[in-house]
C-alpha atoms as a PDB file:
ATOM      1  CA  MET A   1       0.000   0.000   0.000  1.00  0.00           C
ATOM      2  CA  ALA A   2       1.319   3.449  -0.919  1.00  0.00           C
ATOM      3  CA  MET A   3       2.803   5.907   1.524  1.00  0.00           C
ATOM      4  CA  ASN A   4       1.776   9.481   0.687  1.00  0.00           C
ATOM      5  CA  GLN A   5       3.382  12.744   1.764  1.00  0.00           C
ATOM      6  CA  ILE A   6       1.090  15.499   3.008  1.00  0.00           C
ATOM      7  CA  PRO A   7       1.626  18.555   0.775  1.00  0.00           C
ATOM      8  CA  GLY A   8       4.004  21.030   2.338  1.00  0.00           C
ATOM      9  CA  GLN A   9       4.802  18.785   5.324  1.00  0.00           C
ATOM     10  CA  ASN A  10       7.444  16.194   6.192  1.00  0.00           C
ATOM     11  CA  ILE A  11       4.588  13.974   7.301  1.00  0.00           C
ATOM     12  CA  TYR A  12       3.505  10.787   5.549  1.00  0.00           C
ATOM     13  CA  ILE A  13       0.281   8.817   5.848  1.00  0.00           C
ATOM     14  CA  SER A  14      -0.282   5.154   5.060  1.00  0.00           C
ATOM     15  CA  GLY A  15      -1.803   1.855   6.072  1.00  0.00           C
ATOM     16  CA  ILE A  16      -0.004  -0.703   8.209  1.00  0.00           C
ATOM     17  CA  PHE A  17       1.338  -2.802   5.309  1.00  0.00           C
ATOM     18  CA  CYS A  18       3.603   0.043   4.286  1.00  0.00           C
ATOM     19  CA  LEU A  19       5.752  -0.764   7.325  1.00  0.00           C
ATOM     20  CA  LYS A  20       6.935  -3.925   5.599  1.00  0.00           C
ATOM     21  CA  ASN A  21       8.668  -1.851   2.917  1.00  0.00           C
ATOM     22  CA  LYS A  22      11.798  -0.908   4.870  1.00  0.00           C
ATOM     23  CA  GLU A  23      13.549   0.470   1.789  1.00  0.00           C
ATOM     24  CA  ALA A  24      10.755   2.945   1.123  1.00  0.00           C
ATOM     25  CA  LEU A  25      10.783   4.081   4.768  1.00  0.00           C
ATOM     26  CA  LYS A  26      14.534   4.569   4.640  1.00  0.00           C
ATOM     27  CA  ARG A  27      14.338   6.418   1.337  1.00  0.00           C
ATOM     28  CA  GLU A  28      11.832   8.888   2.794  1.00  0.00           C
ATOM     29  CA  ASN A  29      13.941   9.331   5.964  1.00  0.00           C
ATOM     30  CA  ILE A  30      11.168   8.122   8.274  1.00  0.00           C
ATOM     31  CA  THR A  31      12.454   8.460  11.841  1.00  0.00           C
ATOM     32  CA  HIS A  32       9.191   8.643  13.823  1.00  0.00           C
ATOM     33  CA  VAL A  33       6.127   6.411  13.454  1.00  0.00           C
ATOM     34  CA  LEU A  34       2.735   7.131  14.976  1.00  0.00           C
ATOM     35  CA  SER A  35       0.368   4.145  15.027  1.00  0.00           C
ATOM     36  CA  VAL A  36      -3.367   4.806  15.415  1.00  0.00           C
ATOM     37  CA  LEU A  37      -4.789   1.307  15.859  1.00  0.00           C
ATOM     38  CA  ARG A  38      -4.648  -1.606  18.261  1.00  0.00           C
ATOM     39  CA  LEU A  39      -1.356  -3.427  17.768  1.00  0.00           C
ATOM     40  CA  ASN A  40      -0.293  -6.926  18.677  1.00  0.00           C
ATOM     41  CA  PRO A  41       2.228  -6.361  21.521  1.00  0.00           C
ATOM     42  CA  ALA A  42       4.340  -9.268  20.292  1.00  0.00           C
ATOM     43  CA  GLU A  43       4.992  -7.484  16.965  1.00  0.00           C
ATOM     44  CA  VAL A  44       5.713  -3.990  18.307  1.00  0.00           C
ATOM     45  CA  GLN A  45       9.374  -4.509  19.215  1.00  0.00           C
ATOM     46  CA  GLU A  46      10.247  -6.237  15.955  1.00  0.00           C
ATOM     47  CA  THR A  47       8.377  -3.793  13.703  1.00  0.00           C
ATOM     48  CA  PHE A  48       9.211  -0.463  15.319  1.00  0.00           C
ATOM     49  CA  SER A  49      12.627  -1.020  16.909  1.00  0.00           C
ATOM     50  CA  SER A  50      14.333   1.210  14.307  1.00  0.00           C
ATOM     51  CA  TYR A  51      12.052   4.194  14.906  1.00  0.00           C
ATOM     52  CA  GLU A  52      10.777   6.509  17.582  1.00  0.00           C
ATOM     53  CA  HIS A  53       7.351   5.037  18.066  1.00  0.00           C
ATOM     54  CA  PHE A  54       4.108   6.219  19.655  1.00  0.00           C
ATOM     55  CA  ALA A  55       0.882   4.212  19.629  1.00  0.00           C
ATOM     56  CA  ILE A  56      -2.737   5.228  20.157  1.00  0.00           C
ATOM     57  CA  ASP A  57      -5.083   2.303  20.792  1.00  0.00           C
ATOM     58  CA  ALA A  58      -8.190   3.239  18.842  1.00  0.00           C
ATOM     59  CA  ASP A  59     -10.856   1.544  16.758  1.00  0.00           C
ATOM     60  CA  ASP A  60     -12.308   3.044  13.597  1.00  0.00           C
ATOM     61  CA  THR A  61     -15.809   3.574  14.998  1.00  0.00           C
ATOM     62  CA  ASP A  62     -17.962   6.684  15.361  1.00  0.00           C
ATOM     63  CA  ASP A  63     -18.078   6.371  19.148  1.00  0.00           C
ATOM     64  CA  GLU A  64     -14.318   5.947  19.670  1.00  0.00           C
ATOM     65  CA  ASN A  65     -12.891   8.739  21.828  1.00  0.00           C
ATOM     66  CA  LEU A  66      -9.999   9.884  19.660  1.00  0.00           C
ATOM     67  CA  LEU A  67     -10.312  13.476  20.867  1.00  0.00           C
ATOM     68  CA  GLN A  68      -8.545  12.780  24.163  1.00  0.00           C
ATOM     69  CA  HIS A  69      -5.441  11.568  22.270  1.00  0.00           C
ATOM     70  CA  LEU A  70      -5.082  14.412  19.750  1.00  0.00           C
ATOM     71  CA  PRO A  71      -2.792  16.701  21.812  1.00  0.00           C
ATOM     72  CA  ALA A  72      -0.339  13.865  22.519  1.00  0.00           C
ATOM     73  CA  ALA A  73      -0.363  12.903  18.830  1.00  0.00           C
ATOM     74  CA  VAL A  74       0.307  16.504  17.798  1.00  0.00           C
ATOM     75  CA  GLN A  75       3.204  16.740  20.273  1.00  0.00           C
ATOM     76  CA  PHE A  76       4.751  13.523  18.979  1.00  0.00           C
ATOM     77  CA  ILE A  77       4.537  14.621  15.348  1.00  0.00           C
ATOM     78  CA  GLN A  78       6.082  17.984  16.215  1.00  0.00           C
ATOM     79  CA  SER A  79       8.906  16.345  18.161  1.00  0.00           C
ATOM     80  CA  GLY A  80       9.803  14.250  15.114  1.00  0.00           C
ATOM     81  CA  LEU A  81       9.842  17.257  12.825  1.00  0.00           C
ATOM     82  CA  ASP A  82      11.846  19.318  15.316  1.00  0.00           C
ATOM     83  CA  ALA A  83      14.446  16.516  15.439  1.00  0.00           C
ATOM     84  CA  GLY A  84      14.977  16.870  11.701  1.00  0.00           C
ATOM     85  CA  GLY A  85      13.277  13.635  10.715  1.00  0.00           C
ATOM     86  CA  ASN A  86      10.145  12.685   8.852  1.00  0.00           C
ATOM     87  CA  VAL A  87       7.047  11.300  10.509  1.00  0.00           C
ATOM     88  CA  LEU A  88       4.812   8.462   9.329  1.00  0.00           C
ATOM     89  CA  VAL A  89       1.245   8.333  10.637  1.00  0.00           C
ATOM     90  CA  HIS A  90      -0.564   5.081   9.917  1.00  0.00           C
ATOM     91  CA  CYS A  91      -3.646   3.091  10.848  1.00  0.00           C
ATOM     92  CA  ALA A  92      -4.929  -0.071   9.178  1.00  0.00           C
ATOM     93  CA  MET A  93      -5.804   1.418   5.791  1.00  0.00           C
ATOM     94  CA  GLY A  94      -4.538   5.002   5.985  1.00  0.00           C
ATOM     95  CA  LYS A  95      -8.075   6.251   5.540  1.00  0.00           C
ATOM     96  CA  SER A  96      -9.837   7.280   8.761  1.00  0.00           C
ATOM     97  CA  ARG A  97      -7.871   7.185  12.031  1.00  0.00           C
ATOM     98  CA  SER A  98      -4.521   8.301  10.637  1.00  0.00           C
ATOM     99  CA  ALA A  99      -6.227  10.961   8.519  1.00  0.00           C
ATOM    100  CA  ALA A 100      -8.001  12.344  11.599  1.00  0.00           C
ATOM    101  CA  VAL A 101      -4.705  12.676  13.484  1.00  0.00           C
ATOM    102  CA  CYS A 102      -3.016  14.400  10.534  1.00  0.00           C
ATOM    103  CA  ILE A 103      -5.948  16.813  10.264  1.00  0.00           C
ATOM    104  CA  ALA A 104      -5.547  17.620  13.964  1.00  0.00           C
ATOM    105  CA  TYR A 105      -1.885  18.464  13.397  1.00  0.00           C
ATOM    106  CA  LEU A 106      -2.684  20.738  10.452  1.00  0.00           C
ATOM    107  CA  LEU A 107      -5.377  22.468  12.501  1.00  0.00           C
ATOM    108  CA  HIS A 108      -2.946  22.953  15.365  1.00  0.00           C
ATOM    109  CA  GLN A 109      -0.494  24.612  12.979  1.00  0.00           C
ATOM    110  CA  LYS A 110      -3.039  26.986  11.429  1.00  0.00           C
ATOM    111  CA  PRO A 111      -6.133  27.143  13.653  1.00  0.00           C
ATOM    112  CA  ASN A 112      -7.273  30.496  12.252  1.00  0.00           C
ATOM    113  CA  VAL A 113      -6.835  29.462   8.626  1.00  0.00           C
ATOM    114  CA  LEU A 114      -7.976  25.859   8.364  1.00  0.00           C
ATOM    115  CA  THR A 115     -11.138  23.988   9.250  1.00  0.00           C
ATOM    116  CA  PRO A 116     -11.440  20.205   9.586  1.00  0.00           C
ATOM    117  CA  GLN A 117     -12.919  20.007   6.088  1.00  0.00           C
ATOM    118  CA  SER A 118     -10.287  22.239   4.436  1.00  0.00           C
ATOM    119  CA  ALA A 119      -7.508  20.298   6.187  1.00  0.00           C
ATOM    120  CA  LEU A 120      -9.037  17.069   4.871  1.00  0.00           C
ATOM    121  CA  GLU A 121      -8.935  18.482   1.346  1.00  0.00           C
ATOM    122  CA  ILE A 122      -5.196  19.078   1.770  1.00  0.00           C
ATOM    123  CA  LEU A 123      -4.706  15.406   2.656  1.00  0.00           C
ATOM    124  CA  ARG A 124      -6.778  14.315  -0.324  1.00  0.00           C
ATOM    125  CA  GLN A 125      -4.461  16.129  -2.711  1.00  0.00           C
ATOM    126  CA  SER A 126      -1.952  13.314  -2.232  1.00  0.00           C
ATOM    127  CA  ARG A 127      -4.167  10.588  -0.759  1.00  0.00           C
ATOM    128  CA  PRO A 128      -7.718  10.797  -2.176  1.00  0.00           C
ATOM    129  CA  LEU A 129      -9.032   7.894  -0.097  1.00  0.00           C
ATOM    130  CA  CYS A 130      -8.706   9.818   3.192  1.00  0.00           C
ATOM    131  CA  GLU A 131     -12.108   9.886   4.894  1.00  0.00           C
ATOM    132  CA  PRO A 132     -12.357  10.020   8.705  1.00  0.00           C
ATOM    133  CA  ASN A 133     -15.612   8.600  10.000  1.00  0.00           C
ATOM    134  CA  ASP A 134     -18.390  10.990  11.039  1.00  0.00           C
ATOM    135  CA  GLY A 135     -17.579  10.650  14.738  1.00  0.00           C
ATOM    136  CA  PHE A 136     -13.956  11.671  14.166  1.00  0.00           C
ATOM    137  CA  MET A 137     -14.999  14.661  12.061  1.00  0.00           C
ATOM    138  CA  GLU A 138     -17.283  15.800  14.886  1.00  0.00           C
ATOM    139  CA  GLN A 139     -14.411  15.453  17.345  1.00  0.00           C
ATOM    140  CA  LEU A 140     -12.099  17.410  15.052  1.00  0.00           C
ATOM    141  CA  ALA A 141     -14.688  20.182  14.963  1.00  0.00           C
ATOM    142  CA  LEU A 142     -14.670  20.210  18.772  1.00  0.00           C
ATOM    143  CA  TYR A 143     -10.862  20.243  18.801  1.00  0.00           C
ATOM    144  CA  HIS A 144     -10.986  23.241  16.471  1.00  0.00           C
ATOM    145  CA  GLU A 145     -13.572  24.912  18.722  1.00  0.00           C
ATOM    146  CA  MET A 146     -11.206  24.484  21.680  1.00  0.00           C
ATOM    147  CA  GLY A 147      -8.487  26.356  19.798  1.00  0.00           C
ATOM    148  CA  CYS A 148      -6.524  23.224  18.772  1.00  0.00           C
ATOM    149  CA  PRO A 149      -4.557  22.864  22.043  1.00  0.00           C
ATOM    150  CA  GLY A 150      -1.276  21.001  22.125  1.00  0.00           C
ATOM    151  CA  ASN A 151      -1.804  19.925  25.715  1.00  0.00           C
ATOM    152  CA  ASP A 152      -4.405  18.000  27.689  1.00  0.00           C
ATOM    153  CA  VAL A 153      -8.019  18.603  26.633  1.00  0.00           C
ATOM    154  CA  THR A 154      -9.738  16.600  29.373  1.00  0.00           C
ATOM    155  CA  GLU A 155     -10.254  19.648  31.623  1.00  0.00           C
ATOM    156  CA  ASN A 156     -11.600  21.778  28.791  1.00  0.00           C
ATOM    157  CA  PRO A 157     -15.308  22.627  29.282  1.00  0.00           C
ATOM    158  CA  VAL A 158     -16.012  21.837  25.616  1.00  0.00           C
ATOM    159  CA  TYR A 159     -14.575  18.328  26.060  1.00  0.00           C
ATOM    160  CA  GLN A 160     -16.377  17.720  29.355  1.00  0.00           C
ATOM    161  CA  ARG A 161     -19.693  18.864  27.882  1.00  0.00           C
ATOM    162  CA  TRP A 162     -19.167  16.500  24.947  1.00  0.00           C
ATOM    163  CA  LEU A 163     -18.502  13.587  27.332  1.00  0.00           C
ATOM    164  CA  TYR A 164     -21.647  14.427  29.267  1.00  0.00           C
ATOM    165  CA  ARG A 165     -23.690  14.385  26.042  1.00  0.00           C
ATOM    166  CA  ARG A 166     -22.184  11.008  25.091  1.00  0.00           C
ATOM    167  CA  ASP A 167     -23.197   9.592  28.471  1.00  0.00           C
ATOM    168  CA  VAL A 168     -26.712  10.923  27.991  1.00  0.00           C
ATOM    169  CA  GLU A 169     -26.974   9.411  24.507  1.00  0.00           C
ATOM    170  CA  GLU A 170     -25.747   6.020  25.717  1.00  0.00           C
ATOM    171  CA  SER A 171     -28.186   6.024  28.633  1.00  0.00           C
ATOM    172  CA  VAL A 172     -31.144   7.069  26.490  1.00  0.00           C
ATOM    173  CA  ALA A 173     -30.268   4.382  23.933  1.00  0.00           C
ATOM    174  CA  CYS A 174     -30.736   1.871  26.772  1.00  0.00           C
ATOM    175  CA  GLY A 175     -34.067   3.449  27.747  1.00  0.00           C
ATOM    176  CA  ARG A 176     -32.708   5.065  30.908  1.00  0.00           C
ATOM    177  CA  ALA A 177     -31.987   8.564  32.144  1.00  0.00           C
ATOM    178  CA  PRO A 178     -28.306   9.349  32.815  1.00  0.00           C
ATOM    179  CA  GLU A 179     -26.926   8.945  36.305  1.00  0.00           C
ATOM    180  CA  MET A 180     -26.645  12.106  38.361  1.00  0.00           C
ATOM    181  CA  ARG A 181     -22.862  11.789  38.665  1.00  0.00           C
ATOM    182  CA  SER A 182     -22.500  11.889  34.872  1.00  0.00           C
ATOM    183  CA  VAL A 183     -24.489  15.114  34.416  1.00  0.00           C
ATOM    184  CA  ARG A 184     -22.482  18.313  34.085  1.00  0.00           C
ATOM    185  CA  PHE A 185     -24.211  21.072  36.063  1.00  0.00           C
ATOM    186  CA  GLU A 186     -22.815  24.199  34.427  1.00  0.00           C
ATOM    187  CA  ASP A 187     -23.289  26.504  37.436  1.00  0.00           C
ATOM    188  CA  GLU A 188     -21.120  24.199  39.576  1.00  0.00           C
ATOM    189  CA  GLN A 189     -18.129  24.175  37.236  1.00  0.00           C
ATOM    190  CA  PRO A 190     -14.864  25.885  38.311  1.00  0.00           C
ATOM    191  CA  THR A 191     -14.746  27.602  34.919  1.00  0.00           C
ATOM    192  CA  ARG A 192     -18.191  28.951  34.288  1.00  0.00           C
ATOM    193  CA  PRO A 193     -19.425  30.214  30.932  1.00  0.00           C
ATOM    194  CA  LYS A 194     -18.351  33.794  30.271  1.00  0.00           C
ATOM    195  CA  GLU A 195     -20.948  36.357  29.308  1.00  0.00           C
ATOM    196  CA  LYS A 196     -19.995  37.901  25.987  1.00  0.00           C
ATOM    197  CA  ALA A 197     -23.157  39.822  25.269  1.00  0.00           C
ATOM    198  CA  VAL A 198     -23.634  43.519  25.830  1.00  0.00           C
ATOM    199  CA  GLN A 199     -27.291  42.779  26.559  1.00  0.00           C
ATOM    200  CA  GLU A 200     -27.629  39.985  29.106  1.00  0.00           C
ATOM    201  CA  VAL A 201     -30.798  37.937  29.365  1.00  0.00           C
ATOM    202  CA  GLU A 202     -32.134  37.157  32.825  1.00  0.00           C
ATOM    203  CA  ILE A 203     -34.901  34.605  33.341  1.00  0.00           C
ATOM    204  CA  LYS A 204     -37.062  34.524  36.492  1.00  0.00           C
ATOM    205  CA  CYS A 205     -39.974  32.446  37.722  1.00  0.00           C
ATOM    206  CA  ARG A 206     -43.124  34.413  36.901  1.00  0.00           C
ATOM    207  CA  LYS A 207     -44.798  33.436  40.174  1.00  0.00           C
ATOM    208  CA  CYS A 208     -42.100  34.055  42.823  1.00  0.00           C
ATOM    209  CA  ARG A 209     -39.460  36.027  40.831  1.00  0.00           C
ATOM    210  CA  LYS A 210     -36.721  33.497  41.617  1.00  0.00           C
ATOM    211  CA  GLY A 211     -33.769  33.845  39.240  1.00  0.00           C
ATOM    212  CA  LEU A 212     -33.453  30.709  37.126  1.00  0.00           C
ATOM    213  CA  ALA A 213     -30.839  31.427  34.444  1.00  0.00           C
ATOM    214  CA  THR A 214     -28.831  34.071  32.609  1.00  0.00           C
ATOM    215  CA  SER A 215     -27.374  34.222  29.105  1.00  0.00           C
ATOM    216  CA  PRO A 216     -24.320  31.941  29.609  1.00  0.00           C
ATOM    217  CA  TYR A 217     -26.563  28.995  30.494  1.00  0.00           C
ATOM    218  CA  ILE A 218     -28.891  29.334  27.516  1.00  0.00           C
ATOM    219  CA  ILE A 219     -28.437  26.897  24.619  1.00  0.00           C
ATOM    220  CA  PRO A 220     -28.888  28.764  21.335  1.00  0.00           C
ATOM    221  CA  HIS A 221     -30.611  27.016  18.461  1.00  0.00           C
ATOM    222  CA  GLU A 222     -31.671  28.185  15.037  1.00  0.00           C
ATOM    223  CA  GLU A 223     -35.188  28.022  13.681  1.00  0.00           C
ATOM    224  CA  GLU A 224     -35.348  25.387  10.954  1.00  0.00           C
ATOM    225  CA  LYS A 225     -36.428  27.258   7.839  1.00  0.00           C
ATOM    226  CA  GLY A 226     -38.942  25.452   5.687  1.00  0.00           C
ATOM    227  CA  ASN A 227     -39.207  22.548   8.105  1.00  0.00           C
ATOM    228  CA  SER A 228     -42.334  20.565   7.239  1.00  0.00           C
ATOM    229  CA  THR A 229     -42.362  18.969  10.709  1.00  0.00           C
ATOM    230  CA  LYS A 230     -42.978  22.217  12.575  1.00  0.00           C
ATOM    231  CA  VAL A 231     -45.393  21.871  15.466  1.00  0.00           C
ATOM    232  CA  ARG A 232     -47.127  25.095  14.380  1.00  0.00           C
ATOM    233  CA  PRO A 233     -46.354  26.929  11.139  1.00  0.00           C
ATOM    234  CA  ASN A 234     -44.490  30.222  11.669  1.00  0.00           C
ATOM    235  CA  ALA A 235     -44.363  29.620  15.439  1.00  0.00           C
ATOM    236  CA  GLU A 236     -41.701  31.199  17.604  1.00  0.00           C
ATOM    237  CA  CYS A 237     -39.877  29.237  20.277  1.00  0.00           C
ATOM    238  CA  ALA A 238     -42.174  28.409  23.183  1.00  0.00           C
ATOM    239  CA  HIS A 239     -39.259  27.374  25.393  1.00  0.00           C
ATOM    240  CA  VAL A 240     -35.814  28.631  26.322  1.00  0.00           C
ATOM    241  CA  PHE A 241     -33.440  25.650  26.480  1.00  0.00           C
ATOM    242  CA  LEU A 242     -30.730  25.558  29.138  1.00  0.00           C
ATOM    243  CA  HIS A 243     -27.632  23.635  30.073  1.00  0.00           C
ATOM    244  CA  PRO A 244     -28.197  21.537  33.216  1.00  0.00           C
ATOM    245  CA  MET A 245     -28.192  23.668  36.388  1.00  0.00           C
ATOM    246  CA  LYS A 246     -28.069  22.500  39.985  1.00  0.00           C
ATOM    247  CA  TRP A 247     -31.515  23.828  40.895  1.00  0.00           C
ATOM    248  CA  MET A 248     -32.972  21.302  38.425  1.00  0.00           C
ATOM    249  CA  SER A 249     -31.679  18.305  40.441  1.00  0.00           C
ATOM    250  CA  PRO A 250     -34.905  17.577  42.409  1.00  0.00           C
ATOM    251  CA  SER A 251     -36.833  17.429  39.122  1.00  0.00           C
ATOM    252  CA  LEU A 252     -34.230  15.452  37.186  1.00  0.00           C
ATOM    253  CA  PHE A 253     -33.326  13.072  40.019  1.00  0.00           C
ATOM    254  CA  PRO A 254     -36.271  13.008  42.454  1.00  0.00           C
ATOM    255  CA  ALA A 255     -35.066   9.875  44.237  1.00  0.00           C
ATOM    256  CA  THR A 256     -31.820  11.484  45.422  1.00  0.00           C
ATOM    257  CA  ASP A 257     -33.544  13.393  48.231  1.00  0.00           C
ATOM    258  CA  GLY A 258     -35.799  10.513  49.202  1.00  0.00           C
ATOM    259  CA  SER A 259     -38.880  12.146  47.752  1.00  0.00           C
ATOM    260  CA  LYS A 260     -41.181  11.297  44.882  1.00  0.00           C
ATOM    261  CA  THR A 261     -42.892  13.764  42.630  1.00  0.00           C
ATOM    262  CA  SER A 262     -45.958  13.466  40.466  1.00  0.00           C
ATOM    263  CA  SER A 263     -44.354  15.870  38.012  1.00  0.00           C
ATOM    264  CA  SER A 264     -42.105  13.171  36.572  1.00  0.00           C
ATOM    265  CA  TYR A 265     -43.083  10.443  34.167  1.00  0.00           C
ATOM    266  CA  ASP A 266     -41.616   7.806  31.854  1.00  0.00           C
ATOM    267  CA  ASN A 267     -39.469   6.396  34.664  1.00  0.00           C
ATOM    268  CA  ALA A 268     -38.991   2.833  35.786  1.00  0.00           C
ATOM    269  CA  GLU A 269     -39.043   1.919  39.463  1.00  0.00           C
ATOM    270  CA  GLY A 270     -35.878   3.235  41.121  1.00  0.00           C
ATOM    271  CA  ASP A 271     -34.663   5.034  38.005  1.00  0.00           C
ATOM    272  CA  ALA A 272     -34.529   8.758  37.321  1.00  0.00           C
ATOM    273  CA  PRO A 273     -37.228   9.823  34.839  1.00  0.00           C
ATOM    274  CA  LEU A 274     -36.458  10.166  31.156  1.00  0.00           C
ATOM    275  CA  ALA A 275     -38.795  13.139  30.954  1.00  0.00           C
ATOM    276  CA  GLY A 276     -40.844  15.316  33.251  1.00  0.00           C
ATOM    277  CA  ARG A 277     -41.541  18.804  34.566  1.00  0.00           C
ATOM    278  CA  LEU A 278     -39.034  21.374  35.800  1.00  0.00           C
ATOM    279  CA  ILE A 279     -40.210  22.820  39.134  1.00  0.00           C
ATOM    280  CA  CYS A 280     -39.220  26.213  40.530  1.00  0.00           C
ATOM    281  CA  PRO A 281     -36.538  25.712  43.223  1.00  0.00           C
ATOM    282  CA  THR A 282     -38.278  28.036  45.717  1.00  0.00           C
ATOM    283  CA  PRO A 283     -39.865  25.641  48.262  1.00  0.00           C
ATOM    284  CA  LYS A 284     -42.997  27.735  48.846  1.00  0.00           C
ATOM    285  CA  CYS A 285     -43.505  28.296  45.115  1.00  0.00           C
ATOM    286  CA  GLY A 286     -43.352  24.902  43.427  1.00  0.00           C
ATOM    287  CA  SER A 287     -44.452  26.361  40.116  1.00  0.00           C
ATOM    288  CA  ASN A 288     -44.122  24.312  36.963  1.00  0.00           C
ATOM    289  CA  VAL A 289     -41.642  26.402  34.964  1.00  0.00           C
ATOM    290  CA  GLY A 290     -40.888  24.038  32.087  1.00  0.00           C
ATOM    291  CA  LYS A 291     -40.107  20.489  31.107  1.00  0.00           C
ATOM    292  CA  PHE A 292     -37.197  18.199  30.337  1.00  0.00           C
ATOM    293  CA  ALA A 293     -36.610  15.213  28.069  1.00  0.00           C
ATOM    294  CA  TRP A 294     -33.228  13.519  27.965  1.00  0.00           C
ATOM    295  CA  GLN A 295     -34.141  11.999  24.604  1.00  0.00           C
ATOM    296  CA  GLY A 296     -34.774  15.495  23.222  1.00  0.00           C
ATOM    297  CA  LEU A 297     -37.679  17.745  22.323  1.00  0.00           C
ATOM    298  CA  GLN A 298     -38.779  19.468  19.175  1.00  0.00           C
ATOM    299  CA  CYS A 299     -39.119  23.189  19.763  1.00  0.00           C
ATOM    300  CA  SER A 300     -42.209  24.899  18.364  1.00  0.00           C
ATOM    301  CA  CYS A 301     -39.892  26.622  15.853  1.00  0.00           C
ATOM    302  CA  GLY A 302     -39.082  23.203  14.349  1.00  0.00           C
ATOM    303  CA  SER A 303     -35.588  22.608  15.784  1.00  0.00           C
ATOM    304  CA  TRP A 304     -34.717  19.536  17.800  1.00  0.00           C
ATOM    305  CA  VAL A 305     -32.758  20.076  21.016  1.00  0.00           C
ATOM    306  CA  VAL A 306     -31.054  17.029  22.567  1.00  0.00           C
ATOM    307  CA  PRO A 307     -31.022  16.691  25.519  1.00  0.00           C
ATOM    308  CA  ALA A 308     -33.768  19.215  26.217  1.00  0.00           C
ATOM    309  CA  LEU A 309     -34.214  21.186  29.446  1.00  0.00           C
ATOM    310  CA  GLY A 310     -36.625  23.966  28.574  1.00  0.00           C
ATOM    311  CA  LEU A 311     -38.221  26.836  30.468  1.00  0.00           C
ATOM    312  CA  ALA A 312     -41.699  27.660  29.146  1.00  0.00           C
ATOM    313  CA  LYS A 313     -41.878  31.301  28.104  1.00  0.00           C
ATOM    314  CA  ALA A 314     -45.467  31.412  29.333  1.00  0.00           C
ATOM    315  CA  ARG A 315     -44.313  30.553  32.873  1.00  0.00           C
ATOM    316  CA  VAL A 316     -41.221  32.726  33.237  1.00  0.00           C
ATOM    317  CA  ASP A 317     -40.313  36.372  32.781  1.00  0.00           C
ATOM    318  CA  ILE A 318     -37.439  37.163  30.431  1.00  0.00           C
ATOM    319  CA  ALA A 319     -35.736  40.513  30.888  1.00  0.00           C
ATOM    320  CA  ASN A 320     -32.877  42.135  29.017  1.00  0.00           C
ATOM    321  CA  LYS A 321     -30.373  44.182  30.952  1.00  0.00           C
ATOM    322  CA  ILE A 322     -27.272  46.008  29.811  1.00  0.00           C
ATOM    323  CA  ASN A 323     -23.989  44.452  30.872  1.00  0.00           C
ATOM    324  CA  PRO A 324     -21.760  47.399  31.855  1.00  0.00           C
ATOM    325  CA  ALA A 325     -18.636  45.263  31.624  1.00  0.00           C
ATOM    326  CA  ARG A 326     -19.063  44.988  27.858  1.00  0.00           C
ATOM    327  CA  THR A 327     -18.988  47.552  25.101  1.00  0.00           C
ATOM    328  CA  GLN A 328     -20.998  47.710  21.912  1.00  0.00           C
ATOM    329  CA  ALA A 329     -18.000  46.192  20.130  1.00  0.00           C
ATOM    330  CA  SER A 330     -18.448  42.950  22.064  1.00  0.00           C
ATOM    331  CA  VAL A 331     -19.624  39.851  20.281  1.00  0.00           C
ATOM    332  CA  GLY A 332     -23.095  38.845  21.462  1.00  0.00           C
ATOM    333  CA  ILE A 333     -24.081  35.258  21.959  1.00  0.00           C
ATOM    334  CA  ARG A 334     -26.596  33.853  19.495  1.00  0.00           C
ATOM    335  CA  MET A 335     -30.036  33.737  21.061  1.00  0.00           C
ATOM    336  CA  PRO A 336     -32.986  31.528  20.059  1.00  0.00           C
ATOM    337  CA  PRO A 337     -35.552  33.032  17.675  1.00  0.00           C
ATOM    338  CA  GLY A 338     -37.977  35.284  19.504  1.00  0.00           C
ATOM    339  CA  MET A 339     -35.395  36.364  22.119  1.00  0.00           C
ATOM    340  CA  ARG A 340     -33.168  38.467  19.877  1.00  0.00           C
ATOM    341  CA  PRO A 341     -33.351  42.259  20.183  1.00  0.00           C
ATOM    342  CA  PRO A 342     -34.639  44.084  17.086  1.00  0.00           C
ATOM    343  CA  GLU A 343     -32.015  45.112  14.565  1.00  0.00           C
ATOM    344  CA  THR A 344     -31.260  48.809  14.314  1.00  0.00           C
ATOM    345  CA  ASN A 345     -30.694  50.766  11.147  1.00  0.00           C
ATOM    346  CA  ASP A 346     -27.720  53.086  11.372  1.00  0.00           C
ATOM    347  CA  SER A 347     -28.441  54.701   8.041  1.00  0.00           C
ATOM    348  CA  SER A 348     -30.240  57.572   9.784  1.00  0.00           C
ATOM    349  CA  SER A 349     -27.498  58.306  12.283  1.00  0.00           C
ATOM    350  CA  GLY A 350     -26.514  61.437  10.451  1.00  0.00           C
ATOM    351  CA  ARG A 351     -22.935  60.284   9.966  1.00  0.00           C
ATOM    352  CA  GLY A 352     -21.380  62.132   7.047  1.00  0.00           C
ATOM    353  CA  ASN A 353     -23.942  64.959   7.080  1.00  0.00           C
ATOM    354  CA  LEU A 354     -21.953  67.324   9.243  1.00  0.00           C
END
C-alpha cells in the first residue's frame, strides 16, 4: 500500500502494510512512526525497533474517543519534525484514524486558517481515499472549537460537555436517564461560561421572581427554515433551552432526596425519569416552569434540542439588561428566535452629514 506525503509537510500517511517496505521508509527518511490502531504487543518490538514510536489504541468507529489523544499525537509529530526527521502516521488502511490525526496536526499549525474540512482536502491532494468517520470529524470540529490545544483537553469545558452528552446518549439508547454523577451542572463548574453579550438575558420564575438562568446557560438554536415537521407553522420558540443547572436536580433526580414527585413520568421503578416537569426551586412556590426530556424535544420553531431542558416562556419572565462590563463592540451570543433584540438601522445616524 502506498505511503503518501502530506503537501508542504514532512509527514507521511499510510496503512499498516507500508511498514513492511523498509527500503521505502529509509528512502523517505522516516524516523518517527505514529500508530493509530490496536497493535499486537508481540509485533511492536520487531516492527518499530528502528524508529521513535508512539501508539494510540483506537478503533475506527464513530463512538471511539480519539479526541482525548489528539494533543499527545500533535506533540509527537512535532517532536519528530523538530528533530529533523520525517514522521509516518498510519492506521490499518490510511483512511480514517490516521487521517483524523493528521488533520488535527494541520489544525494545530493553522487554527485560524484551516477547518477540519479544508484540512481534509489538503490530505486528499496526495491521498484521495482519506475519509475520517463521522464521529472523528465531529471530534475534530470540537478540537478546532477548543483552539486546537497542544496539551491535555480533558479539563476543557467543551470536552467535558461532549462527554456528558455522550453519556446521555448512551443512557437514552438503553431506555434510561443518565446517572446524576454523569451530568455536568454548568453553574457548579470551576470555569463557568463567560458572558460575551452587551445585553444579558435574565430569566425569572413568573410566580415568585426566583432567578433561574442568565445568558451563559442558555443553549442557542436556530429556527429550521422550511421545516415541514414544525409543530405550528411560523411559530416562535415556546421554550428557552438551558444547560443543566443544579436547581434542576430535584426534578431530574427526584429519588436522590428521598422524595417522589408526580411531576415526573416515563421512569422505571428506582430510576430517574427520562422526561418530566421542571419545578421552581423556591420551596414555597413549586411552580411548573418548564419540562425536560433527555431523549430530546422538538421546539415549536421546528428545531430539535437534545437533551432538552426547557423553560416555558409562558411561565417565566425574560428581561434584558445592559452588561456594563461589555462595550458595543463585544460579540453577542446567538439567542434563540424570539429572544433576539430588534435590529437597528444606522443609516439615519446622520454620519457624514456634518
